[in-house]
Amino acid sequence: MTTAAAYCVHCGQSLAAGTHPGCHNPRTALEPPRFCPQCARRMVVQVTPTGWAARCSRHGACTSEGTG
């Protein structure tokens, strides 16, 4: 995913709507994204002992090792 983010990856709401205090805290800093930052669709997320991989049906995949 290379386009600029328009949606919050934790709640799926627009970033233009303001700050997301519930989404930016120490607990969520370590969580994988749940929503696509480009279209706000719920992503398929797989968590492993070494990281995570998330896939949007429209925009492809990202991982904790790459563009996460």
N, C-alpha and C. Protein backbone atom coordinates (compact mmCIF):
# COMPACT_ATOMS: atom_id res chain seq x y z
N MET A 1 0.85 -1.17 0.00
CA MET A 1 0.00 0.00 0.00
C MET A 1 0.90 1.23 0.00
N THR A 2 0.80 2.03 -1.05
CA THR A 2 1.70 3.15 -1.17
C THR A 2 1.01 4.50 -1.15
N THR A 3 -0.29 4.57 -1.28
CA THR A 3 -1.02 5.83 -1.29
C THR A 3 -1.16 6.35 0.14
N ALA A 4 -1.26 7.67 0.28
CA ALA A 4 -1.39 8.28 1.59
C ALA A 4 -2.66 7.79 2.30
N ALA A 5 -2.56 7.65 3.60
CA ALA A 5 -3.68 7.17 4.40
C ALA A 5 -4.78 8.22 4.49
N ALA A 6 -6.01 7.79 4.33
CA ALA A 6 -7.17 8.68 4.47
C ALA A 6 -8.04 8.26 5.64
N TYR A 7 -7.82 7.02 6.13
CA TYR A 7 -8.63 6.48 7.22
C TYR A 7 -7.75 5.92 8.33
N CYS A 8 -8.25 5.93 9.53
CA CYS A 8 -7.54 5.37 10.68
C CYS A 8 -7.51 3.85 10.55
N VAL A 9 -6.33 3.25 10.75
CA VAL A 9 -6.20 1.80 10.62
C VAL A 9 -6.75 1.05 11.83
N HIS A 10 -7.08 1.74 12.90
CA HIS A 10 -7.59 1.08 14.09
C HIS A 10 -9.11 1.15 14.21
N CYS A 11 -9.72 2.28 13.78
CA CYS A 11 -11.18 2.41 13.91
C CYS A 11 -11.89 2.53 12.57
N GLY A 12 -11.17 2.84 11.49
CA GLY A 12 -11.76 2.93 10.17
C GLY A 12 -12.42 4.26 9.87
N GLN A 13 -12.34 5.23 10.77
CA GLN A 13 -12.96 6.53 10.53
C GLN A 13 -12.00 7.45 9.80
N SER A 14 -12.51 8.47 9.16
CA SER A 14 -11.72 9.40 8.38
C SER A 14 -10.69 10.12 9.26
N LEU A 15 -9.47 10.26 8.74
CA LEU A 15 -8.45 11.01 9.47
C LEU A 15 -8.76 12.50 9.49
N ALA A 16 -9.53 12.97 8.51
CA ALA A 16 -9.92 14.37 8.46
C ALA A 16 -10.93 14.73 9.54
N ALA A 17 -11.55 13.73 10.15
CA ALA A 17 -12.56 13.97 11.19
C ALA A 17 -11.94 14.46 12.49
N GLY A 18 -10.64 14.47 12.58
CA GLY A 18 -9.98 14.96 13.79
C GLY A 18 -9.08 13.91 14.41
N THR A 19 -8.70 14.14 15.64
CA THR A 19 -7.81 13.21 16.33
C THR A 19 -8.57 11.98 16.79
N HIS A 20 -7.86 10.93 16.98
CA HIS A 20 -8.44 9.67 17.44
C HIS A 20 -7.71 9.27 18.73
N PRO A 21 -8.04 9.88 19.86
CA PRO A 21 -7.30 9.60 21.10
C PRO A 21 -7.39 8.14 21.53
N GLY A 22 -8.49 7.47 21.27
CA GLY A 22 -8.62 6.07 21.61
C GLY A 22 -7.79 5.16 20.72
N CYS A 23 -7.40 5.68 19.57
CA CYS A 23 -6.62 4.88 18.61
C CYS A 23 -5.12 5.11 18.73
N HIS A 24 -4.71 6.14 19.41
CA HIS A 24 -3.29 6.46 19.54
C HIS A 24 -2.87 6.39 21.00
N ASN A 25 -2.61 5.20 21.45
CA ASN A 25 -2.15 5.00 22.82
C ASN A 25 -1.15 3.85 22.82
N PRO A 26 -0.48 3.60 23.92
CA PRO A 26 0.54 2.54 23.95
C PRO A 26 0.02 1.15 23.58
N ARG A 27 -1.23 0.86 23.88
CA ARG A 27 -1.77 -0.46 23.56
C ARG A 27 -1.92 -0.65 22.05
N THR A 28 -2.45 0.34 21.36
CA THR A 28 -2.67 0.21 19.93
C THR A 28 -1.39 0.36 19.12
N ALA A 29 -0.34 0.90 19.70
CA ALA A 29 0.93 1.05 18.98
C ALA A 29 1.50 -0.30 18.55
N LEU A 30 1.20 -1.35 19.29
CA LEU A 30 1.72 -2.67 18.97
C LEU A 30 0.73 -3.55 18.21
N GLU A 31 -0.50 -3.07 18.02
CA GLU A 31 -1.52 -3.86 17.34
C GLU A 31 -1.40 -3.72 15.82
N PRO A 32 -1.76 -4.76 15.08
CA PRO A 32 -1.77 -4.66 13.62
C PRO A 32 -2.95 -3.79 13.17
N PRO A 33 -2.88 -3.26 11.95
CA PRO A 33 -4.01 -2.48 11.43
C PRO A 33 -5.22 -3.38 11.21
N ARG A 34 -6.40 -2.88 11.46
CA ARG A 34 -7.63 -3.65 11.27
C ARG A 34 -8.44 -3.14 10.08
N PHE A 35 -8.21 -1.89 9.69
CA PHE A 35 -8.93 -1.28 8.58
C PHE A 35 -7.93 -0.76 7.55
N CYS A 36 -8.30 -0.83 6.28
CA CYS A 36 -7.44 -0.35 5.20
C CYS A 36 -7.33 1.18 5.30
N PRO A 37 -6.12 1.72 5.26
CA PRO A 37 -5.96 3.17 5.36
C PRO A 37 -6.42 3.91 4.10
N GLN A 38 -6.67 3.21 3.01
CA GLN A 38 -7.09 3.84 1.76
C GLN A 38 -8.60 3.82 1.54
N CYS A 39 -9.27 2.74 1.99
CA CYS A 39 -10.71 2.63 1.72
C CYS A 39 -11.55 2.31 2.96
N ALA A 40 -10.93 2.10 4.09
CA ALA A 40 -11.59 1.81 5.37
C ALA A 40 -12.30 0.46 5.41
N ARG A 41 -11.99 -0.42 4.45
CA ARG A 41 -12.55 -1.78 4.51
C ARG A 41 -11.85 -2.56 5.61
N ARG A 42 -12.60 -3.45 6.23
CA ARG A 42 -12.02 -4.33 7.24
C ARG A 42 -11.03 -5.27 6.56
N MET A 43 -9.82 -5.38 7.11
CA MET A 43 -8.80 -6.22 6.51
C MET A 43 -8.73 -7.58 7.18
N VAL A 44 -8.25 -8.57 6.44
CA VAL A 44 -7.99 -9.89 6.97
C VAL A 44 -6.61 -9.83 7.60
N VAL A 45 -6.52 -10.11 8.90
CA VAL A 45 -5.26 -9.98 9.63
C VAL A 45 -4.85 -11.34 10.18
N GLN A 46 -3.58 -11.67 9.97
CA GLN A 46 -3.02 -12.90 10.55
C GLN A 46 -1.85 -12.51 11.44
N VAL A 47 -1.95 -12.88 12.70
CA VAL A 47 -0.89 -12.59 13.66
C VAL A 47 -0.10 -13.87 13.92
N THR A 48 1.22 -13.75 13.85
CA THR A 48 2.11 -14.88 14.11
C THR A 48 3.05 -14.49 15.25
N PRO A 49 3.81 -15.44 15.78
CA PRO A 49 4.76 -15.10 16.85
C PRO A 49 5.83 -14.09 16.41
N THR A 50 6.09 -14.00 15.13
CA THR A 50 7.14 -13.10 14.65
C THR A 50 6.63 -11.81 14.02
N GLY A 51 5.32 -11.62 13.93
CA GLY A 51 4.79 -10.40 13.34
C GLY A 51 3.34 -10.55 12.92
N TRP A 52 2.92 -9.79 11.92
CA TRP A 52 1.56 -9.85 11.42
C TRP A 52 1.53 -9.56 9.93
N ALA A 53 0.43 -9.95 9.29
CA ALA A 53 0.18 -9.65 7.89
C ALA A 53 -1.28 -9.24 7.77
N ALA A 54 -1.55 -8.16 7.05
CA ALA A 54 -2.90 -7.67 6.86
C ALA A 54 -3.15 -7.53 5.36
N ARG A 55 -4.37 -7.89 4.93
CA ARG A 55 -4.69 -7.85 3.50
C ARG A 55 -6.05 -7.22 3.27
N CYS A 56 -6.05 -6.21 2.40
CA CYS A 56 -7.29 -5.57 1.95
C CYS A 56 -7.69 -6.22 0.64
N SER A 57 -8.97 -6.50 0.46
CA SER A 57 -9.43 -7.15 -0.77
C SER A 57 -9.25 -6.25 -1.99
N ARG A 58 -9.13 -4.95 -1.81
CA ARG A 58 -8.97 -4.02 -2.92
C ARG A 58 -7.54 -3.51 -3.10
N HIS A 59 -6.80 -3.33 -1.99
CA HIS A 59 -5.52 -2.65 -2.08
C HIS A 59 -4.29 -3.52 -1.77
N GLY A 60 -4.49 -4.78 -1.51
CA GLY A 60 -3.37 -5.67 -1.29
C GLY A 60 -2.95 -5.82 0.16
N ALA A 61 -1.72 -6.26 0.33
CA ALA A 61 -1.24 -6.65 1.66
C ALA A 61 -0.15 -5.74 2.19
N CYS A 62 -0.01 -5.74 3.51
CA CYS A 62 1.11 -5.10 4.20
C CYS A 62 1.47 -6.01 5.36
N THR A 63 2.72 -5.92 5.81
CA THR A 63 3.19 -6.76 6.91
C THR A 63 3.94 -5.92 7.92
N SER A 64 4.17 -6.50 9.09
CA SER A 64 4.94 -5.81 10.11
C SER A 64 6.40 -5.67 9.71
N GLU A 65 6.85 -6.49 8.78
CA GLU A 65 8.24 -6.43 8.32
C GLU A 65 8.44 -5.41 7.22
N GLY A 66 7.38 -5.12 6.44
CA GLY A 66 7.51 -4.25 5.27
C GLY A 66 6.92 -2.88 5.50
N THR A 67 5.75 -2.67 4.92
CA THR A 67 5.13 -1.34 4.93
C THR A 67 4.19 -1.13 6.10
N GLY A 68 4.22 -1.99 7.12
CA GLY A 68 3.32 -1.91 8.24
C GLY A 68 3.47 -0.68 9.01
